Protein backbone atom coordinates (compact mmCIF):
# COMPACT_ATOMS: atom_id res chain seq x y z
CA MET A 1 132.70 76.93 182.31
CA ARG A 2 133.27 78.46 178.85
CA HIS A 3 133.53 76.23 175.83
CA SER A 4 136.16 76.80 173.19
CA ASP A 5 136.39 75.61 169.61
CA GLY A 6 139.70 73.95 170.21
CA PRO A 7 142.69 73.97 172.45
CA GLY A 8 143.96 77.49 172.98
CA VAL A 9 141.27 79.15 170.71
CA PRO A 10 138.97 81.58 172.49
CA PRO A 11 135.25 81.32 171.52
CA THR A 12 135.05 84.86 170.08
CA HIS A 13 137.83 84.16 167.61
CA SER A 14 135.82 81.39 165.97
CA ALA A 15 132.77 83.67 165.43
CA GLU A 16 134.93 86.41 163.93
CA THR A 17 136.51 83.95 161.55
CA ALA A 18 133.12 82.71 160.37
CA VAL A 19 131.86 86.25 159.73
CA LYS A 20 135.00 87.26 157.83
CA SER A 21 134.83 84.11 155.75
CA ALA A 22 131.19 84.79 154.84
CA MET A 23 132.02 88.39 153.92
CA ARG A 24 134.83 87.20 151.65
CA ARG A 25 132.47 84.81 149.88
CA SER A 26 129.67 87.38 149.44
CA GLY A 27 132.01 90.11 148.18
CA ARG A 28 133.60 88.03 145.43
CA GLY A 29 131.42 89.63 142.64
CA LEU A 30 129.52 88.00 139.78
CA THR A 31 130.85 85.26 137.54
CA LEU A 32 130.68 85.52 133.76
CA ILE A 33 127.88 82.97 133.66
CA GLU A 34 125.82 84.99 136.15
CA LEU A 35 126.33 88.16 134.10
CA VAL A 36 125.34 86.42 130.84
CA MET A 37 122.23 84.95 132.48
CA GLY A 38 121.25 88.38 133.79
CA VAL A 39 121.64 89.94 130.32
CA VAL A 40 119.60 87.12 128.74
CA ILE A 41 116.79 87.60 131.27
CA LEU A 42 116.76 91.36 130.66
CA PHE A 43 116.69 90.80 126.89
CA VAL A 44 113.74 88.39 127.17
CA LEU A 45 111.80 90.82 129.38
CA PHE A 46 112.55 93.67 126.97
CA SER A 47 111.44 91.58 123.96
CA ILE A 48 108.15 90.78 125.67
CA SER A 49 107.44 94.38 126.68
CA VAL A 50 108.29 96.18 123.38
CA PRO A 51 105.22 95.03 121.38
CA GLY A 52 102.94 95.97 124.27
CA PHE A 53 104.61 99.36 124.52
CA LYS A 54 104.11 99.95 120.78
CA VAL A 55 100.40 99.15 121.08
CA LEU A 56 100.08 101.57 124.01
CA LEU A 57 101.93 104.28 122.07
CA ARG A 58 99.66 103.89 119.02
CA LYS A 59 96.55 104.02 121.21
CA ALA A 60 97.89 107.10 123.03
CA GLN A 61 98.56 108.90 119.72
CA LEU A 62 95.09 108.07 118.41
CA ASP A 63 93.38 109.08 121.67
CA ALA A 64 95.31 112.36 121.77
CA ALA A 65 94.29 113.20 118.19
CA VAL A 66 90.62 112.42 118.98
CA ARG A 67 90.76 114.62 122.10
CA GLN A 68 92.37 117.47 120.15
CA LEU A 69 89.77 117.42 117.36
CA THR A 70 86.91 117.11 119.87
CA SER A 71 88.28 120.02 121.88
CA ASP A 72 88.68 122.22 118.80
CA ILE A 73 85.11 121.52 117.62
CA ARG A 74 83.85 122.49 121.07
CA GLU A 75 86.01 125.61 120.97
CA ALA A 76 84.39 126.64 117.67
CA GLN A 77 80.96 126.23 119.27
CA SER A 78 81.97 128.15 122.38
CA ARG A 79 83.46 131.05 120.41
CA ALA A 80 80.34 131.27 118.26
CA THR A 81 78.10 131.68 121.31
CA LEU A 82 80.48 134.15 122.97
CA THR A 83 81.02 136.41 119.95
CA GLY A 84 77.76 136.05 118.02
CA TRP A 85 79.77 135.17 114.90
CA GLN A 86 79.52 132.03 112.80
CA TYR A 87 82.46 129.72 113.49
CA ARG A 88 83.60 126.91 111.27
CA LEU A 89 86.06 124.09 111.81
CA ILE A 90 87.30 123.13 108.36
CA GLY A 91 89.83 120.50 107.37
CA PHE A 92 91.26 118.33 104.62
CA ASP A 93 91.57 114.59 104.86
CA ILE A 94 94.64 112.46 104.21
CA ASP A 95 93.65 111.86 100.58
CA SER A 96 93.14 115.50 99.59
CA GLY A 97 96.62 115.83 98.12
CA GLY A 98 96.72 119.59 98.66
CA LEU A 99 98.85 121.93 100.69
CA PHE A 100 96.82 121.32 103.85
CA THR A 101 96.43 117.54 103.65
CA ASN A 102 95.54 115.94 107.02
CA GLN A 103 95.12 119.35 108.67
CA TYR A 104 92.27 121.52 109.97
CA ARG A 105 91.66 124.95 111.51
CA LEU A 106 89.03 127.36 112.79
CA THR A 107 87.66 130.18 110.66
CA ALA A 108 84.91 132.69 111.42
CA ARG A 109 82.77 135.43 109.91
CA SER A 110 80.68 138.12 111.55
CA SER A 111 77.48 137.15 109.69
CA ALA A 112 76.13 135.07 106.82
CA ALA A 113 76.44 138.15 104.59
CA VAL A 114 80.25 137.99 104.89
CA ALA A 115 82.31 135.47 102.90
CA TRP A 116 84.40 132.86 104.69
CA PRO A 117 88.16 133.42 104.65
CA ALA A 118 89.89 131.64 101.78
CA ASP A 119 91.26 128.20 102.64
CA THR A 120 94.73 129.31 101.61
CA ALA A 121 94.67 132.54 103.66
CA GLY A 122 97.22 132.86 106.42
CA ALA A 123 96.11 133.28 110.01
CA PHE A 124 94.50 136.70 110.53
CA GLN A 125 91.75 138.60 112.39
CA SER A 126 89.73 141.47 110.93
CA ALA A 127 86.51 143.27 111.83
CA THR A 128 84.46 140.70 109.87
CA GLN A 129 86.60 137.59 109.44
CA MET A 130 89.03 135.34 111.31
CA ALA A 131 91.28 132.49 110.22
CA GLY A 132 93.23 130.49 112.79
CA ASN A 133 96.43 128.50 112.48
CA TRP A 134 96.36 125.08 110.85
CA VAL A 135 96.51 122.09 113.17
CA ASN A 136 98.93 119.73 111.44
CA VAL A 137 97.93 116.21 112.43
CA ASN A 138 100.94 114.80 110.51
CA THR A 139 103.34 116.61 112.82
CA LEU A 140 101.49 116.40 116.12
CA TYR A 141 100.39 112.77 115.91
CA PRO A 142 102.63 110.71 113.60
CA GLY A 143 100.77 107.80 112.02
CA VAL A 144 97.32 109.35 112.58
CA ARG A 145 95.16 110.27 109.60
CA LEU A 146 91.88 112.10 109.09
CA ASP A 147 89.39 110.48 106.70
CA THR A 148 86.01 111.83 105.63
CA SER A 149 82.91 109.64 105.59
CA ASP A 150 82.52 110.12 101.83
CA ALA A 151 84.66 110.80 98.77
CA THR A 152 84.92 114.54 99.56
CA ALA A 153 88.37 115.69 100.62
CA ARG A 154 87.09 118.60 102.75
CA PHE A 155 85.11 118.36 105.97
CA TRP A 156 83.58 121.08 108.09
CA VAL A 157 81.08 121.94 110.77
CA ILE A 158 79.57 125.44 111.14
CA PHE A 159 78.10 126.84 114.37
CA ASP A 160 75.70 129.76 114.58
CA SER A 161 75.56 132.35 117.36
CA ARG A 162 73.39 130.00 119.47
CA GLY A 163 75.97 127.22 119.24
CA ALA A 164 73.86 125.04 116.95
CA ALA A 165 75.68 123.07 114.26
CA PHE A 166 73.53 124.20 111.35
CA GLN A 167 75.78 122.78 108.63
CA THR A 168 78.17 119.83 108.43
CA ASN A 169 80.01 118.26 105.52
CA SER A 170 81.56 114.78 105.33
CA PHE A 171 80.87 113.91 108.96
CA PRO A 172 81.41 111.64 110.77
CA VAL A 173 85.16 112.15 110.47
CA GLN A 174 87.24 109.05 110.94
CA ILE A 175 90.49 109.38 112.88
CA THR A 176 92.66 106.38 112.05
CA HIS A 177 96.09 105.20 113.10
CA GLN A 178 98.22 103.52 110.45
CA SER A 179 98.06 100.36 112.59
CA GLY A 180 94.33 100.11 111.79
CA GLU A 181 92.83 101.38 115.06
CA ARG A 182 90.20 104.07 114.49
CA THR A 183 87.56 106.29 116.06
CA CYS A 184 84.78 108.19 114.29
CA LEU A 185 83.43 111.54 115.52
CA SER A 186 80.03 112.98 114.69
CA VAL A 187 78.46 116.34 115.55
CA THR A 188 74.77 116.58 116.41
CA ALA A 189 72.54 119.48 115.37
CA ALA A 190 72.71 120.73 118.96
CA GLY A 191 76.51 120.87 118.63
CA SER A 192 77.46 117.86 120.75
CA VAL A 193 80.55 115.95 119.64
CA ARG A 194 80.29 112.22 120.13
CA PRO A 195 82.03 109.04 119.00
CA VAL A 196 79.98 106.87 116.66
CA GLY A 197 80.44 103.54 114.93
CA CYS A 198 82.73 103.83 111.93
CA PRO A 199 81.22 102.91 108.55
């Protein structure tokens, strides 16, 4: 014998009514209070995450600048061994106050008997000299600055045809973010680039 929900009401009708009623309740949308609470929760989460994101961004900019300088020093060494020329990475720190403040580039000469290209020379390549483009740290890595280890505004490292760093000036170079985070790079006589403790 089939049960019904009441006199004259078939059992299936009652189930359909319950489902339709539930659908009407679930499809009513959000109230103003629910919307405001959702916005408040999102705002709180955003407020918590922004400082952490800024720290990550500063660290990423500093790390990228360190990788770039390290890579360019190694490139100078590699080119010296491949070409037999002397290669020099030369730069100016943030306090130099000149045209190329907080920038560096590669230059080269075919032998010690040839003068280095002038610092102000544009990028060029000749039979005895080469000057590369300036790497502008100000533009590539905002907030990152190059500082020498002494009062000299210029820094450089020179590699001979064997890849040995036979001359350095104002190393280690300190790469600093305006937030205060920093890394110092040194170059060994064998030409290895390595991070060292900052003075």
